[in-house]
Amino acid sequence: MRSLVDRYNIRERFKVRMPFDGSVHPYEEMSRLIETDFVDYDNNIVFNSNIFFGSNGTLFNHEKTTDIDNFKIQLHKRVEQFRKILNDDNKILFLIHNKNKNVDDFNFNLIENALKNKYPNLKYHIFVFNNYHEEFYINKTENTTYLNIFWNPNNITNFNNLNYDDINNDFIGQMYVTPYGIEFSLNVLKYICNILNEDYNNFILDKNYDFNNNLK
């Protein structure tokens, strides 16, 4: 989700890099880290094939450094930024990409309970985006939005033998690049801007944006 924020130049809304930006964190582990104030976050980190791997399925694949000690320093800075932002009075928007063919599997209670326990005064909205379920789906509450828009550039109608790895690879390759991918990303942006009370027309796609070089 960070790539959408950056490619559409919404940087002023999200100025600093947070612990979960430019990385992969299983939802359960992300919720645990929030509730435990990131206990053991930098334990058991290894570097392999230009990627840092952490505990419980976390991986960091958009880092400029290859040095573990330097990487841990960056992690600590991101955690401090996270704590500072969540202790402010501003309302926080969490963006989560949940790839799951079953829209009923997502449990908002995990992150909501973590936030309520750790930051009881926090005002927040959690936006979860999924592109694996075959039908459009949206469910909204006061503090949550679950949106599913199926990634289907080839207009597939037979879903019996879908390869979700192919869907994911195609999604990564086409998003922001092909006409279908650009229109798809714009549709997601509209829902995010609705939560932010922003006009989506104010945000223009930067087609030349280099995610690896610009994420800091």
Protein backbone atom coordinates (compact mmCIF):
# COMPACT_ATOMS: atom_id res chain seq x y z
CA MET A 1 0.00 0.00 0.00
CA ARG A 2 2.95 2.34 0.55
CA SER A 3 3.71 2.27 -3.16
CA LEU A 4 0.26 3.70 -3.95
CA VAL A 5 0.74 6.49 -1.41
CA ASP A 6 4.11 7.39 -2.90
CA ARG A 7 3.29 6.99 -6.58
CA TYR A 8 0.30 9.30 -6.24
CA ASN A 9 2.36 11.85 -4.30
CA ILE A 10 0.38 11.69 -1.07
CA ARG A 11 3.69 12.00 0.75
CA GLU A 12 2.58 15.10 2.68
CA ARG A 13 0.01 12.94 4.42
CA PHE A 14 2.56 10.25 5.25
CA LYS A 15 5.90 12.01 5.58
CA VAL A 16 7.96 9.47 7.48
CA ARG A 17 8.72 5.82 6.96
CA MET A 18 7.06 3.50 9.43
CA PRO A 19 8.18 0.02 10.54
CA PHE A 20 5.80 -1.75 8.17
CA ASP A 21 6.54 0.34 5.05
CA GLY A 22 8.41 -1.26 2.17
CA SER A 23 8.32 -4.69 3.75
CA VAL A 24 6.19 -7.77 4.33
CA HIS A 25 4.66 -8.38 7.75
CA PRO A 26 2.07 -11.12 8.27
CA TYR A 27 -1.02 -9.54 9.73
CA GLU A 28 -0.85 -11.53 12.97
CA GLU A 29 2.79 -10.56 13.51
CA MET A 30 2.09 -6.89 12.79
CA SER A 31 -0.69 -6.89 15.39
CA ARG A 32 1.57 -8.63 17.91
CA LEU A 33 4.35 -6.10 17.35
CA ILE A 34 1.98 -3.19 17.96
CA GLU A 35 0.56 -4.69 21.15
CA THR A 36 3.99 -5.67 22.57
CA ASP A 37 5.64 -2.39 21.58
CA PHE A 38 7.86 -4.22 19.06
CA VAL A 39 9.42 -6.66 21.48
CA ASP A 40 12.03 -8.90 19.76
CA TYR A 41 11.54 -6.97 16.50
CA ASP A 42 15.21 -6.95 15.61
CA ASN A 43 15.99 -10.47 16.86
CA ASN A 44 17.15 -13.23 14.53
CA ILE A 45 17.56 -10.97 11.51
CA VAL A 46 19.51 -12.50 8.63
CA PHE A 47 20.53 -11.09 5.24
CA ASN A 48 20.19 -13.29 2.17
CA SER A 49 19.78 -12.56 -1.56
CA ASN A 50 19.61 -8.80 -0.91
CA ILE A 51 16.72 -9.19 1.52
CA PHE A 52 16.62 -8.93 5.32
CA PHE A 53 14.56 -11.67 6.93
CA GLY A 54 13.18 -11.31 10.45
CA SER A 55 11.14 -13.49 12.77
CA ASN A 56 7.65 -14.87 12.16
CA GLY A 57 7.58 -14.35 8.41
CA THR A 58 8.72 -10.72 8.22
CA LEU A 59 10.96 -9.64 5.37
CA PHE A 60 12.40 -6.31 4.29
CA ASN A 61 12.97 -6.16 0.55
CA HIS A 62 13.36 -2.40 0.00
CA GLU A 63 16.46 -1.50 2.00
CA LYS A 64 19.44 0.52 0.81
CA THR A 65 21.89 -0.93 3.30
CA THR A 66 23.27 -4.46 3.34
CA ASP A 67 24.69 -4.13 6.86
CA ILE A 68 22.61 -5.73 9.61
CA ASP A 69 23.74 -3.32 12.33
CA ASN A 70 22.88 -0.31 10.18
CA PHE A 71 19.56 -1.89 9.28
CA LYS A 72 18.72 -2.37 12.96
CA ILE A 73 19.42 1.32 13.58
CA GLN A 74 16.94 2.18 10.82
CA LEU A 75 14.37 -0.18 12.33
CA HIS A 76 14.69 1.52 15.71
CA LYS A 77 14.21 4.94 14.10
CA ARG A 78 11.04 3.76 12.36
CA VAL A 79 9.68 2.33 15.60
CA GLU A 80 10.32 5.63 17.38
CA GLN A 81 8.53 7.49 14.59
CA PHE A 82 5.62 5.08 14.87
CA ARG A 83 5.33 5.66 18.63
CA LYS A 84 5.53 9.41 18.22
CA ILE A 85 2.89 9.57 15.50
CA LEU A 86 0.46 7.29 17.34
CA ASN A 87 0.79 9.33 20.52
CA ASP A 88 -0.19 12.53 18.69
CA ASP A 89 -3.75 13.78 18.55
CA ASN A 90 -4.15 13.23 14.81
CA LYS A 91 -6.40 10.54 13.42
CA ILE A 92 -4.32 7.72 11.92
CA LEU A 93 -5.11 5.82 8.73
CA PHE A 94 -3.71 2.29 8.55
CA LEU A 95 -3.39 0.79 5.05
CA ILE A 96 -3.14 -3.01 4.84
CA HIS A 97 -2.84 -5.17 1.73
CA ASN A 98 -4.46 -8.50 2.53
CA LYS A 99 -4.19 -11.07 -0.28
CA ASN A 100 -6.87 -13.65 0.44
CA LYS A 101 -9.47 -15.32 -1.76
CA ASN A 102 -11.86 -15.42 1.23
CA VAL A 103 -13.01 -11.97 2.29
CA ASP A 104 -14.53 -13.32 5.51
CA ASP A 105 -11.18 -14.48 6.88
CA PHE A 106 -9.89 -11.08 7.95
CA ASN A 107 -10.14 -10.45 11.68
CA PHE A 108 -10.15 -6.74 12.46
CA ASN A 109 -10.15 -7.53 16.17
CA LEU A 110 -6.46 -8.42 16.14
CA ILE A 111 -5.25 -4.96 15.23
CA GLU A 112 -8.10 -3.09 16.90
CA ASN A 113 -7.47 -4.82 20.22
CA ALA A 114 -3.74 -4.16 19.90
CA LEU A 115 -4.36 -0.47 19.24
CA LYS A 116 -6.90 -0.12 22.06
CA ASN A 117 -4.57 -1.82 24.53
CA LYS A 118 -1.44 0.09 23.55
CA TYR A 119 -2.91 3.42 22.42
CA PRO A 120 -6.30 3.71 24.14
CA ASN A 121 -6.86 7.33 23.08
CA LEU A 122 -5.94 6.82 19.43
CA LYS A 123 -8.37 7.92 16.74
CA TYR A 124 -7.94 5.68 13.73
CA HIS A 125 -9.34 4.12 10.58
CA ILE A 126 -8.13 0.79 9.20
CA PHE A 127 -8.33 0.36 5.42
CA VAL A 128 -7.80 -3.21 4.19
CA PHE A 129 -7.43 -3.86 0.49
CA ASN A 130 -7.70 -7.27 -1.15
CA ASN A 131 -7.41 -8.16 -4.84
CA TYR A 132 -7.80 -11.97 -4.71
CA HIS A 133 -11.53 -12.46 -4.23
CA GLU A 134 -13.41 -12.92 -7.52
CA GLU A 135 -16.25 -10.48 -6.78
CA PHE A 136 -16.31 -6.86 -5.73
CA TYR A 137 -16.81 -6.51 -2.01
CA ILE A 138 -16.82 -3.62 0.43
CA ASN A 139 -17.71 -3.49 4.10
CA LYS A 140 -17.45 -0.28 6.13
CA THR A 141 -17.82 0.59 9.78
CA GLU A 142 -16.96 3.74 11.67
CA ASN A 143 -13.32 2.72 12.08
CA THR A 144 -12.76 0.13 9.35
CA THR A 145 -13.08 -0.40 5.62
CA TYR A 146 -12.55 -3.71 3.83
CA LEU A 147 -12.36 -3.35 0.06
CA ASN A 148 -11.91 -6.11 -2.48
CA ILE A 149 -11.43 -5.38 -6.17
CA PHE A 150 -10.44 -8.49 -8.10
CA TRP A 151 -7.34 -8.15 -10.27
CA ASN A 152 -8.62 -9.47 -13.59
CA PRO A 153 -7.04 -7.78 -16.62
CA ASN A 154 -7.84 -10.78 -18.83
CA ASN A 155 -11.53 -10.95 -17.86
CA ILE A 156 -11.29 -14.47 -16.46
CA THR A 157 -14.68 -16.11 -15.91
CA ASN A 158 -13.57 -19.61 -14.91
CA PHE A 159 -12.05 -19.41 -11.44
CA ASN A 160 -11.61 -23.14 -10.80
CA ASN A 161 -7.90 -23.32 -11.60
CA LEU A 162 -6.72 -19.85 -10.64
CA ASN A 163 -3.02 -19.57 -9.83
CA TYR A 164 -2.80 -16.87 -7.19
CA ASP A 165 0.96 -16.59 -7.56
CA ASP A 166 0.37 -15.63 -11.18
CA ILE A 167 -2.21 -13.06 -10.10
CA ASN A 168 0.23 -11.55 -7.63
CA ASN A 169 3.11 -11.42 -10.13
CA ASP A 170 0.84 -9.92 -12.77
CA PHE A 171 -0.47 -7.37 -10.27
CA ILE A 172 3.06 -6.28 -9.36
CA GLY A 173 4.13 -6.04 -13.00
CA GLN A 174 1.13 -4.12 -14.32
CA MET A 175 0.05 -1.89 -11.44
CA TYR A 176 0.77 1.77 -12.33
CA VAL A 177 2.12 0.73 -15.76
CA THR A 178 -0.57 -0.61 -18.11
CA PRO A 179 -3.89 1.19 -18.77
CA TYR A 180 -5.70 -1.50 -16.76
CA GLY A 181 -3.21 -1.24 -13.91
CA ILE A 182 -3.42 2.55 -13.78
CA GLU A 183 -7.22 2.52 -13.76
CA PHE A 184 -7.17 -0.16 -11.09
CA SER A 185 -4.85 1.84 -8.84
CA LEU A 186 -6.98 4.93 -9.36
CA ASN A 187 -10.07 3.05 -8.18
CA VAL A 188 -8.30 2.08 -4.96
CA LEU A 189 -7.08 5.66 -4.53
CA LYS A 190 -10.66 6.95 -4.71
CA TYR A 191 -11.69 4.87 -1.71
CA ILE A 192 -8.67 6.00 0.29
CA CYS A 193 -9.33 9.65 -0.55
CA ASN A 194 -12.92 9.24 0.55
CA ILE A 195 -11.67 8.27 4.02
CA LEU A 196 -9.22 11.19 4.01
CA ASN A 197 -11.92 13.61 2.81
CA GLU A 198 -9.67 14.47 -0.12
CA ASP A 199 -10.43 14.97 -3.80
CA TYR A 200 -8.60 12.16 -5.61
CA ASN A 201 -8.12 14.48 -8.60
CA ASN A 202 -5.56 16.38 -6.52
CA PHE A 203 -3.19 13.41 -6.72
CA ILE A 204 -1.42 12.65 -9.98
CA LEU A 205 0.32 9.37 -10.73
CA ASP A 206 4.09 9.67 -11.05
CA LYS A 207 4.82 7.05 -13.71
CA ASN A 208 8.57 7.50 -13.28
CA TYR A 209 8.59 6.98 -9.54
CA ASP A 210 11.29 4.55 -8.39
CA PHE A 211 10.02 2.89 -5.22
CA ASN A 212 13.36 1.37 -4.23
CA ASN A 213 15.32 4.61 -4.58
CA ASN A 214 12.75 6.91 -2.99
CA LEU A 215 11.54 4.93 0.02
CA LYS A 216 13.41 6.24 3.07
